[in-house]
Amino acid sequence: MVVKGTEKGTLQKGTLPLSASYCRLESQELALVAIKRAEDGRGLILRFVETLGAKAKVRVTLPGLDIHGAELTKLVEEGGRRLEAEADYFNLEIRPFGIATVRVILADKA
């Protein structure tokens, strides 16, 4: 992930929220178990596990990120089926006790 900061040795005025989230799941049955840069450098890889034994359709929100696209890939980050994605979220369907690997492509910042 890209983290924006200030120059070394400088302070920045302002306040921070009491809490923040880099990933919001609108489901109790889905757990985010890994997040990393893709091996080929094309976006981020997020790995999810369904934990309650029920098929789930979940909205995954990545606050503060501009998502250009998302795709369901194999565990080794190959192949891909496009997922519905817009702004800062994508929708994911996962089978009971399933593991899902999702590649998230971020929009280029000009």
Foldseek 3Di string as FASTA:
>chain_A
DDDDDDPPPDDDDDDDDPDDDQKDKPDPQKDWDDWDAQPVRFAIKIKMWGHPQAKDKIKMFGPPFAFPWKFWAPPNRDDTDTFDDGGGITIDIAGGRGMIMMGTGTDDDD
